[in-house]
């Protein structure tokens, strides 16, 4: 699913035009970004938690020639799924008996 799919779902649910739904979705996403950048944490109950974490600097290696390269420390946004969302995704996921690969939603 991509942003355009979300815009279409919002437009259908709110019975508005796609252009208006795009403005709604963009406004929500901008607000989420602002909160995460300003407060470094955003918790949406039963959905999950977005949090800014610092990755430590480390040494990377080129597997071909074994050359080492320094990788600097950086900021990353992580997401930890909430309990309610976790239960819904488990209920909606295909069974492992059919051969489908299961992907963990936790970061």
PDB file of N, CA and C in Angstrom:
ATOM      1  N   UNK A   1       0.848  -1.174   0.000  1.00  0.00           N
ATOM      2  CA  UNK A   1       0.000   0.000   0.000  1.00  0.00           C
ATOM      3  C   UNK A   1       0.888   1.230   0.000  1.00  0.00           C
ATOM      4  N   UNK A   2       0.482   2.214  -0.773  1.00  0.00           N
ATOM      5  CA  UNK A   2       1.227   3.465  -0.853  1.00  0.00           C
ATOM      6  C   UNK A   2       0.330   4.617  -0.436  1.00  0.00           C
ATOM      7  N   UNK A   3       0.907   5.797  -0.384  1.00  0.00           N
ATOM      8  CA  UNK A   3       0.184   6.981   0.079  1.00  0.00           C
ATOM      9  C   UNK A   3      -1.097   7.211  -0.742  1.00  0.00           C
ATOM     10  N   UNK A   4      -1.039   6.995  -2.034  1.00  0.00           N
ATOM     11  CA  UNK A   4      -2.216   7.202  -2.886  1.00  0.00           C
ATOM     12  C   UNK A   4      -3.370   6.284  -2.475  1.00  0.00           C
ATOM     13  N   UNK A   5      -3.055   5.074  -2.049  1.00  0.00           N
ATOM     14  CA  UNK A   5      -4.093   4.146  -1.584  1.00  0.00           C
ATOM     15  C   UNK A   5      -4.741   4.658  -0.298  1.00  0.00           C
ATOM     16  N   UNK A   6      -3.929   5.214   0.577  1.00  0.00           N
ATOM     17  CA  UNK A   6      -4.457   5.777   1.826  1.00  0.00           C
ATOM     18  C   UNK A   6      -5.359   6.963   1.511  1.00  0.00           C
ATOM     19  N   UNK A   7      -4.948   7.809   0.575  1.00  0.00           N
ATOM     20  CA  UNK A   7      -5.755   8.968   0.176  1.00  0.00           C
ATOM     21  C   UNK A   7      -7.110   8.496  -0.345  1.00  0.00           C
ATOM     22  N   UNK A   8      -7.122   7.457  -1.164  1.00  0.00           N
ATOM     23  CA  UNK A   8      -8.391   6.948  -1.697  1.00  0.00           C
ATOM     24  C   UNK A   8      -9.289   6.407  -0.597  1.00  0.00           C
ATOM     25  N   UNK A   9      -8.705   5.686   0.369  1.00  0.00           N
ATOM     26  CA  UNK A   9      -9.502   5.157   1.484  1.00  0.00           C
ATOM     27  C   UNK A   9     -10.093   6.287   2.327  1.00  0.00           C
ATOM     28  N   UNK A  10      -9.295   7.321   2.597  1.00  0.00           N
ATOM     29  CA  UNK A  10      -9.779   8.467   3.382  1.00  0.00           C
ATOM     30  C   UNK A  10     -10.892   9.175   2.613  1.00  0.00           C
ATOM     31  N   UNK A  11     -10.712   9.361   1.321  1.00  0.00           N
ATOM     32  CA  UNK A  11     -11.732  10.019   0.502  1.00  0.00           C
ATOM     33  C   UNK A  11     -13.049   9.243   0.526  1.00  0.00           C
ATOM     34  N   UNK A  12     -12.969   7.929   0.432  1.00  0.00           N
ATOM     35  CA  UNK A  12     -14.180   7.111   0.467  1.00  0.00           C
ATOM     36  C   UNK A  12     -14.844   7.157   1.835  1.00  0.00           C
ATOM     37  N   UNK A  13     -14.021   7.054   2.877  1.00  0.00           N
ATOM     38  CA  UNK A  13     -14.571   7.009   4.233  1.00  0.00           C
ATOM     39  C   UNK A  13     -15.228   8.334   4.624  1.00  0.00           C
ATOM     40  N   UNK A  14     -14.597   9.452   4.248  1.00  0.00           N
ATOM     41  CA  UNK A  14     -15.121  10.768   4.614  1.00  0.00           C
ATOM     42  C   UNK A  14     -16.040  11.360   3.550  1.00  0.00           C
ATOM     43  N   UNK A  15     -16.192  10.633   2.431  1.00  0.00           N
ATOM     44  CA  UNK A  15     -17.020  11.071   1.305  1.00  0.00           C
ATOM     45  C   UNK A  15     -16.609  12.462   0.829  1.00  0.00           C
ATOM     46  N   UNK A  16     -15.313  12.589   0.541  1.00  0.00           N
ATOM     47  CA  UNK A  16     -14.758  13.839   0.018  1.00  0.00           C
ATOM     48  C   UNK A  16     -13.965  13.525  -1.246  1.00  0.00           C
ATOM     49  N   UNK A  17     -13.563  14.585  -1.955  1.00  0.00           N
ATOM     50  CA  UNK A  17     -12.777  14.395  -3.167  1.00  0.00           C
ATOM     51  C   UNK A  17     -11.355  13.969  -2.811  1.00  0.00           C
ATOM     52  N   UNK A  18     -10.701  13.315  -3.771  1.00  0.00           N
ATOM     53  CA  UNK A  18      -9.335  12.837  -3.547  1.00  0.00           C
ATOM     54  C   UNK A  18      -8.382  13.976  -3.200  1.00  0.00           C
ATOM     55  N   UNK A  19      -8.555  15.133  -3.838  1.00  0.00           N
ATOM     56  CA  UNK A  19      -7.672  16.277  -3.571  1.00  0.00           C
ATOM     57  C   UNK A  19      -7.809  16.738  -2.114  1.00  0.00           C
ATOM     58  N   UNK A  20      -9.030  16.760  -1.608  1.00  0.00           N
ATOM     59  CA  UNK A  20      -9.251  17.149  -0.206  1.00  0.00           C
ATOM     60  C   UNK A  20      -8.671  16.093   0.738  1.00  0.00           C
ATOM     61  N   UNK A  21      -8.824  14.829   0.373  1.00  0.00           N
ATOM     62  CA  UNK A  21      -8.273  13.740   1.184  1.00  0.00           C
ATOM     63  C   UNK A  21      -6.749  13.815   1.199  1.00  0.00           C
ATOM     64  N   UNK A  22      -6.143  14.190   0.072  1.00  0.00           N
ATOM     65  CA  UNK A  22      -4.688  14.348   0.010  1.00  0.00           C
ATOM     66  C   UNK A  22      -4.233  15.433   0.981  1.00  0.00           C
ATOM     67  N   UNK A  23      -4.980  16.535   1.052  1.00  0.00           N
ATOM     68  CA  UNK A  23      -4.650  17.603   2.003  1.00  0.00           C
ATOM     69  C   UNK A  23      -4.752  17.108   3.446  1.00  0.00           C
ATOM     70  N   UNK A  24      -5.762  16.290   3.732  1.00  0.00           N
ATOM     71  CA  UNK A  24      -5.938  15.726   5.074  1.00  0.00           C
ATOM     72  C   UNK A  24      -4.767  14.818   5.428  1.00  0.00           C
ATOM     73  N   UNK A  25      -4.437  13.897   4.527  1.00  0.00           N
ATOM     74  CA  UNK A  25      -3.349  12.940   4.774  1.00  0.00           C
ATOM     75  C   UNK A  25      -2.016  13.681   4.916  1.00  0.00           C
ATOM     76  N   UNK A  26      -1.751  14.653   4.031  1.00  0.00           N
ATOM     77  CA  UNK A  26      -0.508  15.431   4.124  1.00  0.00           C
ATOM     78  C   UNK A  26      -0.428  16.190   5.440  1.00  0.00           C
ATOM     79  N   UNK A  27      -1.553  16.753   5.880  1.00  0.00           N
ATOM     80  CA  UNK A  27      -1.583  17.476   7.154  1.00  0.00           C
ATOM     81  C   UNK A  27      -1.275  16.572   8.334  1.00  0.00           C
ATOM     82  N   UNK A  28      -1.842  15.382   8.322  1.00  0.00           N
ATOM     83  CA  UNK A  28      -1.595  14.423   9.405  1.00  0.00           C
ATOM     84  C   UNK A  28      -0.130  13.990   9.402  1.00  0.00           C
ATOM     85  N   UNK A  29       0.405  13.659   8.236  1.00  0.00           N
ATOM     86  CA  UNK A  29       1.797  13.221   8.153  1.00  0.00           C
ATOM     87  C   UNK A  29       2.760  14.336   8.570  1.00  0.00           C
ATOM     88  N   UNK A  30       2.481  15.564   8.161  1.00  0.00           N
ATOM     89  CA  UNK A  30       3.320  16.689   8.573  1.00  0.00           C
ATOM     90  C   UNK A  30       3.280  16.885  10.082  1.00  0.00           C
ATOM     91  N   UNK A  31       2.104  16.739  10.664  1.00  0.00           N
ATOM     92  CA  UNK A  31       1.970  16.874  12.119  1.00  0.00           C
ATOM     93  C   UNK A  31       2.744  15.775  12.844  1.00  0.00           C
ATOM     94  N   UNK A  32       2.657  14.544  12.339  1.00  0.00           N
ATOM     95  CA  UNK A  32       3.400  13.439  12.946  1.00  0.00           C
ATOM     96  C   UNK A  32       4.904  13.704  12.885  1.00  0.00           C
ATOM     97  N   UNK A  33       5.390  14.160  11.719  1.00  0.00           N
ATOM     98  CA  UNK A  33       6.812  14.464  11.577  1.00  0.00           C
ATOM     99  C   UNK A  33       7.247  15.554  12.548  1.00  0.00           C
ATOM    100  N   UNK A  34       6.433  16.599  12.657  1.00  0.00           N
ATOM    101  CA  UNK A  34       6.765  17.707  13.560  1.00  0.00           C
ATOM    102  C   UNK A  34       6.869  17.244  15.006  1.00  0.00           C
ATOM    103  N   UNK A  35       5.910  16.435  15.441  1.00  0.00           N
ATOM    104  CA  UNK A  35       5.911  15.946  16.822  1.00  0.00           C
ATOM    105  C   UNK A  35       7.123  15.051  17.081  1.00  0.00           C
ATOM    106  N   UNK A  36       7.413  14.156  16.149  1.00  0.00           N
ATOM    107  CA  UNK A  36       8.557  13.248  16.322  1.00  0.00           C
ATOM    108  C   UNK A  36       9.865  14.034  16.378  1.00  0.00           C
ATOM    109  N   UNK A  37      10.012  15.022  15.501  1.00  0.00           N
ATOM    110  CA  UNK A  37      11.250  15.817  15.483  1.00  0.00           C
ATOM    111  C   UNK A  37      11.385  16.675  16.743  1.00  0.00           C
ATOM    112  N   UNK A  38      10.288  17.245  17.202  1.00  0.00           N
ATOM    113  CA  UNK A  38      10.336  18.151  18.356  1.00  0.00           C
ATOM    114  C   UNK A  38      10.464  17.408  19.679  1.00  0.00           C
ATOM    115  N   UNK A  39       9.698  16.346  19.860  1.00  0.00           N
ATOM    116  CA  UNK A  39       9.650  15.649  21.148  1.00  0.00           C
ATOM    117  C   UNK A  39      10.427  14.340  21.159  1.00  0.00           C
ATOM    118  N   UNK A  40      10.878  13.871  19.984  1.00  0.00           N
ATOM    119  CA  UNK A  40      11.666  12.654  19.851  1.00  0.00           C
ATOM    120  C   UNK A  40      10.890  11.383  20.219  1.00  0.00           C
ATOM    121  N   UNK A  41       9.595  11.504  20.462  1.00  0.00           N
ATOM    122  CA  UNK A  41       8.770  10.337  20.790  1.00  0.00           C
ATOM    123  C   UNK A  41       7.307  10.668  20.505  1.00  0.00           C
ATOM    124  N   UNK A  42       6.604   9.720  19.902  1.00  0.00           N
ATOM    125  CA  UNK A  42       5.177   9.871  19.645  1.00  0.00           C
ATOM    126  C   UNK A  42       4.516   8.546  19.940  1.00  0.00           C
ATOM    127  N   UNK A  43       3.622   8.543  20.906  1.00  0.00           N
ATOM    128  CA  UNK A  43       2.903   7.328  21.268  1.00  0.00           C
ATOM    129  C   UNK A  43       1.446   7.476  20.882  1.00  0.00           C
ATOM    130  N   UNK A  44       0.965   6.546  20.077  1.00  0.00           N
ATOM    131  CA  UNK A  44      -0.443   6.491  19.708  1.00  0.00           C
ATOM    132  C   UNK A  44      -0.989   5.222  20.328  1.00  0.00           C
ATOM    133  N   UNK A  45      -1.806   5.367  21.343  1.00  0.00           N
ATOM    134  CA  UNK A  45      -2.304   4.242  22.121  1.00  0.00           C
ATOM    135  C   UNK A  45      -2.920   3.184  21.218  1.00  0.00           C
ATOM    136  N   UNK A  46      -2.601   1.937  21.458  1.00  0.00           N
ATOM    137  CA  UNK A  46      -3.075   0.756  20.726  1.00  0.00           C
ATOM    138  C   UNK A  46      -2.546   0.667  19.290  1.00  0.00           C
ATOM    139  N   UNK A  47      -1.787   1.657  18.840  1.00  0.00           N
ATOM    140  CA  UNK A  47      -1.189   1.599  17.507  1.00  0.00           C
ATOM    141  C   UNK A  47       0.296   1.321  17.608  1.00  0.00           C
ATOM    142  N   UNK A  48       1.016   2.197  18.339  1.00  0.00           N
ATOM    143  CA  UNK A  48       2.442   1.977  18.512  1.00  0.00           C
ATOM    144  C   UNK A  48       3.171   3.235  18.929  1.00  0.00           C
ATOM    145  N   UNK A  49       4.489   3.122  19.011  1.00  0.00           N
ATOM    146  CA  UNK A  49       5.344   4.229  19.459  1.00  0.00           C
ATOM    147  C   UNK A  49       6.425   4.471  18.425  1.00  0.00           C
ATOM    148  N   UNK A  50       6.521   5.722  17.968  1.00  0.00           N
ATOM    149  CA  UNK A  50       7.617   6.166  17.123  1.00  0.00           C
ATOM    150  C   UNK A  50       8.611   6.856  18.046  1.00  0.00           C
ATOM    151  N   UNK A  51       9.888   6.535  17.906  1.00  0.00           N
ATOM    152  CA  UNK A  51      10.884   7.110  18.796  1.00  0.00           C
ATOM    153  C   UNK A  51      12.187   7.340  18.035  1.00  0.00           C
ATOM    154  N   UNK A  52      12.832   8.491  18.316  1.00  0.00           N
ATOM    155  CA  UNK A  52      14.128   8.785  17.718  1.00  0.00           C
ATOM    156  C   UNK A  52      15.192   8.186  18.616  1.00  0.00           C
ATOM    157  N   UNK A  53      16.058   7.364  18.029  1.00  0.00           N
ATOM    158  CA  UNK A  53      17.150   6.756  18.787  1.00  0.00           C
ATOM    159  C   UNK A  53      18.467   7.066  18.091  1.00  0.00           C
ATOM    160  N   UNK A  54      19.546   7.007  18.856  1.00  0.00           N
ATOM    161  CA  UNK A  54      20.872   7.247  18.309  1.00  0.00           C
ATOM    162  C   UNK A  54      21.573   5.917  18.092  1.00  0.00           C
ATOM    163  N   UNK A  55      22.012   5.694  16.878  1.00  0.00           N
ATOM    164  CA  UNK A  55      22.823   4.512  16.583  1.00  0.00           C
ATOM    165  C   UNK A  55      24.280   4.887  16.827  1.00  0.00           C
ATOM    166  N   UNK A  56      25.000   4.043  17.521  1.00  0.00           N
ATOM    167  CA  UNK A  56      26.402   4.306  17.833  1.00  0.00           C
ATOM    168  C   UNK A  56      27.252   4.225  16.573  1.00  0.00           C
ATOM    169  N   UNK A  57      28.385   4.923  16.624  1.00  0.00           N
ATOM    170  CA  UNK A  57      29.312   4.785  15.504  1.00  0.00           C
ATOM    171  C   UNK A  57      29.910   3.380  15.556  1.00  0.00           C
ATOM    172  N   UNK A  58      30.285   2.874  14.377  1.00  0.00           N
ATOM    173  CA  UNK A  58      30.814   1.527  14.322  1.00  0.00           C
ATOM    174  C   UNK A  58      31.734   1.395  13.120  1.00  0.00           C
ATOM    175  N   UNK A  59      32.320   0.254  12.977  1.00  0.00           N
ATOM    176  CA  UNK A  59      33.214  -0.016  11.854  1.00  0.00           C
ATOM    177  C   UNK A  59      32.508  -0.974  10.906  1.00  0.00           C
ATOM    178  N   UNK A  60      32.431  -0.581   9.631  1.00  0.00           N
ATOM    179  CA  UNK A  60      31.870  -1.452   8.607  1.00  0.00           C
ATOM    180  C   UNK A  60      32.996  -2.054   7.788  1.00  0.00           C
ATOM    181  N   UNK A  61      32.720  -3.156   7.142  1.00  0.00           N
ATOM    182  CA  UNK A  61      33.743  -3.827   6.336  1.00  0.00           C
ATOM    183  C   UNK A  61      33.198  -4.155   4.948  1.00  0.00           C
ATOM    184  N   UNK A  62      34.042  -3.943   3.954  1.00  0.00           N
ATOM    185  CA  UNK A  62      33.723  -4.354   2.598  1.00  0.00           C
ATOM    186  C   UNK A  62      33.964  -5.859   2.532  1.00  0.00           C
ATOM    187  N   UNK A  63      32.946  -6.656   2.250  1.00  0.00           N
ATOM    188  CA  UNK A  63      33.132  -8.111   2.269  1.00  0.00           C
ATOM    189  C   UNK A  63      34.071  -8.634   1.175  1.00  0.00           C
ATOM    190  N   UNK A  64      34.250  -7.876   0.113  1.00  0.00           N
ATOM    191  CA  UNK A  64      35.131  -8.343  -0.965  1.00  0.00           C
ATOM    192  C   UNK A  64      36.602  -8.229  -0.607  1.00  0.00           C
ATOM    193  N   UNK A  65      36.988  -7.016  -0.131  1.00  0.00           N
ATOM    194  CA  UNK A  65      38.415  -6.820   0.118  1.00  0.00           C
ATOM    195  C   UNK A  65      38.748  -6.632   1.600  1.00  0.00           C
ATOM    196  N   UNK A  66      37.780  -6.799   2.454  1.00  0.00           N
ATOM    197  CA  UNK A  66      37.958  -6.720   3.916  1.00  0.00           C
ATOM    198  C   UNK A  66      38.426  -5.344   4.408  1.00  0.00           C
ATOM    199  N   UNK A  67      38.282  -4.311   3.581  1.00  0.00           N
ATOM    200  CA  UNK A  67      38.661  -2.958   3.984  1.00  0.00           C
ATOM    201  C   UNK A  67      37.659  -2.447   5.011  1.00  0.00           C
ATOM    202  N   UNK A  68      38.146  -1.826   6.075  1.00  0.00           N
ATOM    203  CA  UNK A  68      37.285  -1.293   7.124  1.00  0.00           C
ATOM    204  C   UNK A  68      36.966   0.175   6.842  1.00  0.00           C
ATOM    205  N   UNK A  69      35.718   0.545   7.120  1.00  0.00           N
ATOM    206  CA  UNK A  69      35.257   1.917   6.939  1.00  0.00           C
ATOM    207  C   UNK A  69      34.528   2.359   8.201  1.00  0.00           C
ATOM    208  N   UNK A  70      34.808   3.568   8.683  1.00  0.00           N
ATOM    209  CA  UNK A  70      34.075   4.053   9.847  1.00  0.00           C
ATOM    210  C   UNK A  70      32.648   4.459   9.442  1.00  0.00           C
ATOM    211  N   UNK A  71      31.683   4.051  10.225  1.00  0.00           N
ATOM    212  CA  UNK A  71      30.289   4.451  10.022  1.00  0.00           C
ATOM    213  C   UNK A  71      29.942   5.374  11.182  1.00  0.00           C
ATOM    214  N   UNK A  72      29.618   6.647  10.906  1.00  0.00           N
ATOM    215  CA  UNK A  72      29.377   7.604  11.988  1.00  0.00           C
ATOM    216  C   UNK A  72      28.071   7.321  12.733  1.00  0.00           C
ATOM    217  N   UNK A  73      27.961   7.870  13.937  1.00  0.00           N
ATOM    218  CA  UNK A  73      26.721   7.778  14.710  1.00  0.00           C
ATOM    219  C   UNK A  73      25.637   8.535  13.951  1.00  0.00           C
ATOM    220  N   UNK A  74      24.385   8.093  14.106  1.00  0.00           N
ATOM    221  CA  UNK A  74      23.293   8.775  13.409  1.00  0.00           C
ATOM    222  C   UNK A  74      21.992   8.595  14.156  1.00  0.00           C
ATOM    223  N   UNK A  75      21.037   9.421  13.807  1.00  0.00           N
ATOM    224  CA  UNK A  75      19.708   9.371  14.400  1.00  0.00           C
ATOM    225  C   UNK A  75      18.794   8.551  13.495  1.00  0.00           C
ATOM    226  N   UNK A  76      18.012   7.656  14.086  1.00  0.00           N
ATOM    227  CA  UNK A  76      17.046   6.861  13.331  1.00  0.00           C
ATOM    228  C   UNK A  76      15.706   6.896  14.054  1.00  0.00           C
ATOM    229  N   UNK A  77      14.642   6.768  13.295  1.00  0.00           N
ATOM    230  CA  UNK A  77      13.302   6.687  13.880  1.00  0.00           C
ATOM    231  C   UNK A  77      12.915   5.218  13.918  1.00  0.00           C
ATOM    232  N   UNK A  78      12.528   4.746  15.099  1.00  0.00           N
ATOM    233  CA  UNK A  78      12.092   3.358  15.254  1.00  0.00           C
ATOM    234  C   UNK A  78      10.595   3.318  15.533  1.00  0.00           C
ATOM    235  N   UNK A  79       9.990   2.187  15.271  1.00  0.00           N
ATOM    236  CA  UNK A  79       8.570   2.002  15.555  1.00  0.00           C
ATOM    237  C   UNK A  79       8.399   0.694  16.304  1.00  0.00           C
ATOM    238  N   UNK A  80       7.696   0.756  17.418  1.00  0.00           N
ATOM    239  CA  UNK A  80       7.354  -0.448  18.165  1.00  0.00           C
ATOM    240  C   UNK A  80       5.838  -0.572  18.135  1.00  0.00           C
ATOM    241  N   UNK A  81       5.369  -1.687  17.634  1.00  0.00           N
ATOM    242  CA  UNK A  81       3.939  -1.897  17.453  1.00  0.00           C
ATOM    243  C   UNK A  81       3.229  -2.018  18.800  1.00  0.00           C
ATOM    244  N   UNK A  82       2.010  -1.478  18.886  1.00  0.00           N
ATOM    245  CA  UNK A  82       1.202  -1.561  20.097  1.00  0.00           C
ATOM    246  C   UNK A  82       0.500  -2.907  20.215  1.00  0.00           C
ATOM    247  N   UNK A  83      -0.005  -3.190  21.414  1.00  0.00           N
ATOM    248  CA  UNK A  83      -0.633  -4.490  21.667  1.00  0.00           C
ATOM    249  C   UNK A  83      -1.848  -4.734  20.773  1.00  0.00           C
ATOM    250  N   UNK A  84      -2.722  -3.748  20.674  1.00  0.00           N
ATOM    251  CA  UNK A  84      -3.940  -3.911  19.872  1.00  0.00           C
ATOM    252  C   UNK A  84      -3.595  -4.141  18.402  1.00  0.00           C
ATOM    253  N   UNK A  85      -2.666  -3.363  17.875  1.00  0.00           N
ATOM    254  CA  UNK A  85      -2.268  -3.511  16.482  1.00  0.00           C
ATOM    255  C   UNK A  85      -1.590  -4.865  16.257  1.00  0.00           C
ATOM    256  N   UNK A  86      -0.815  -5.292  17.225  1.00  0.00           N
ATOM    257  CA  UNK A  86      -0.132  -6.581  17.121  1.00  0.00           C
ATOM    258  C   UNK A  86      -1.156  -7.713  17.030  1.00  0.00           C
ATOM    259  N   UNK A  87      -2.198  -7.641  17.857  1.00  0.00           N
ATOM    260  CA  UNK A  87      -3.238  -8.676  17.829  1.00  0.00           C
ATOM    261  C   UNK A  87      -3.977  -8.663  16.491  1.00  0.00           C
ATOM    262  N   UNK A  88      -4.253  -7.465  15.962  1.00  0.00           N
ATOM    263  CA  UNK A  88      -4.957  -7.368  14.681  1.00  0.00           C
ATOM    264  C   UNK A  88      -4.110  -7.902  13.531  1.00  0.00           C
ATOM    265  N   UNK A  89      -2.817  -7.612  13.554  1.00  0.00           N
ATOM    266  CA  UNK A  89      -1.963  -8.107  12.471  1.00  0.00           C
ATOM    267  C   UNK A  89      -1.786  -9.612  12.557  1.00  0.00           C
ATOM    268  N   UNK A  90      -1.737 -10.156  13.772  1.00  0.00           N
ATOM    269  CA  UNK A  90      -1.649 -11.611  13.918  1.00  0.00           C
ATOM    270  C   UNK A  90      -2.913 -12.277  13.405  1.00  0.00           C
ATOM    271  N   UNK A  91      -4.069 -11.674  13.690  1.00  0.00           N
ATOM    272  CA  UNK A  91      -5.340 -12.243  13.254  1.00  0.00           C
ATOM    273  C   UNK A  91      -5.483 -12.161  11.738  1.00  0.00           C
ATOM    274  N   UNK A  92      -4.915 -11.124  11.127  1.00  0.00           N
ATOM    275  CA  UNK A  92      -5.050 -10.929   9.689  1.00  0.00           C
ATOM    276  C   UNK A  92      -3.973 -11.632   8.886  1.00  0.00           C
ATOM    277  N   UNK A  93      -2.900 -12.073   9.539  1.00  0.00           N
ATOM    278  CA  UNK A  93      -1.797 -12.690   8.795  1.00  0.00           C
ATOM    279  C   UNK A  93      -2.157 -14.098   8.362  1.00  0.00           C
ATOM    280  N   UNK A  94      -1.645 -14.520   7.198  1.00  0.00           N
ATOM    281  CA  UNK A  94      -1.924 -15.884   6.728  1.00  0.00           C
ATOM    282  C   UNK A  94      -1.222 -16.900   7.615  1.00  0.00           C
ATOM    283  N   UNK A  95      -1.780 -18.087   7.681  1.00  0.00           N
ATOM    284  CA  UNK A  95      -1.164 -19.113   8.527  1.00  0.00           C
ATOM    285  C   UNK A  95       0.152 -19.564   7.930  1.00  0.00           C
ATOM    286  N   UNK A  96       1.053 -20.020   8.777  1.00  0.00           N
ATOM    287  CA  UNK A  96       2.358 -20.444   8.324  1.00  0.00           C
ATOM    288  C   UNK A  96       2.304 -21.806   7.647  1.00  0.00           C
ATOM    289  N   UNK A  97       1.199 -22.529   7.783  1.00  0.00           N
ATOM    290  CA  UNK A  97       1.076 -23.840   7.174  1.00  0.00           C
ATOM    291  C   UNK A  97       0.961 -23.744   5.657  1.00  0.00           C
ATOM    292  N   UNK A  98       0.523 -22.583   5.134  1.00  0.00           N
ATOM    293  CA  UNK A  98       0.351 -22.443   3.691  1.00  0.00           C
ATOM    294  C   UNK A  98       1.652 -22.125   2.989  1.00  0.00           C
ATOM    295  N   UNK A  99       2.741 -21.994   3.755  1.00  0.00           N
ATOM    296  CA  UNK A  99       4.032 -21.723   3.149  1.00  0.00           C
ATOM    297  C   UNK A  99       4.359 -20.237   3.057  1.00  0.00           C
ATOM    298  N   UNK A 100       3.470 -19.380   3.536  1.00  0.00           N
ATOM    299  CA  UNK A 100       3.735 -17.944   3.487  1.00  0.00           C
ATOM    300  C   UNK A 100       4.752 -17.582   4.564  1.00  0.00           C
ATOM    301  N   UNK A 101       5.614 -16.653   4.246  1.00  0.00           N
ATOM    302  CA  UNK A 101       6.625 -16.194   5.208  1.00  0.00           C
ATOM    303  C   UNK A 101       5.987 -15.211   6.165  1.00  0.00           C
ATOM    304  N   UNK A 102       6.299 -15.339   7.417  1.00  0.00           N
ATOM    305  CA  UNK A 102       5.797 -14.422   8.434  1.00  0.00           C
ATOM    306  C   UNK A 102       6.854 -13.392   8.736  1.00  0.00           C
ATOM    307  N   UNK A 103       6.441 -12.125   8.818  1.00  0.00           N
ATOM    308  CA  UNK A 103       7.372 -11.039   9.110  1.00  0.00           C
ATOM    309  C   UNK A 103       6.984 -10.422  10.430  1.00  0.00           C
ATOM    310  N   UNK A 104       7.958 -10.257  11.318  1.00  0.00           N
ATOM    311  CA  UNK A 104       7.706  -9.633  12.610  1.00  0.00           C
ATOM    312  C   UNK A 104       7.496  -8.152  12.430  1.00  0.00           C
ATOM    313  N   UNK A 105       6.509  -7.572  13.111  1.00  0.00           N
ATOM    314  CA  UNK A 105       6.217  -6.145  12.978  1.00  0.00           C
ATOM    315  C   UNK A 105       6.954  -5.314  14.010  1.00  0.00           C
ATOM    316  N   UNK A 106       7.666  -5.933  14.929  1.00  0.00           N
ATOM    317  CA  UNK A 106       8.374  -5.176  15.959  1.00  0.00           C
ATOM    318  C   UNK A 106       9.717  -4.716  15.457  1.00  0.00           C
ATOM    319  N   UNK A 107      10.089  -3.497  15.893  1.00  0.00           N
ATOM    320  CA  UNK A 107      11.394  -2.955  15.517  1.00  0.00           C
ATOM    321  C   UNK A 107      12.386  -3.200  16.622  1.00  0.00           C
TER     322      UNK A 107
END
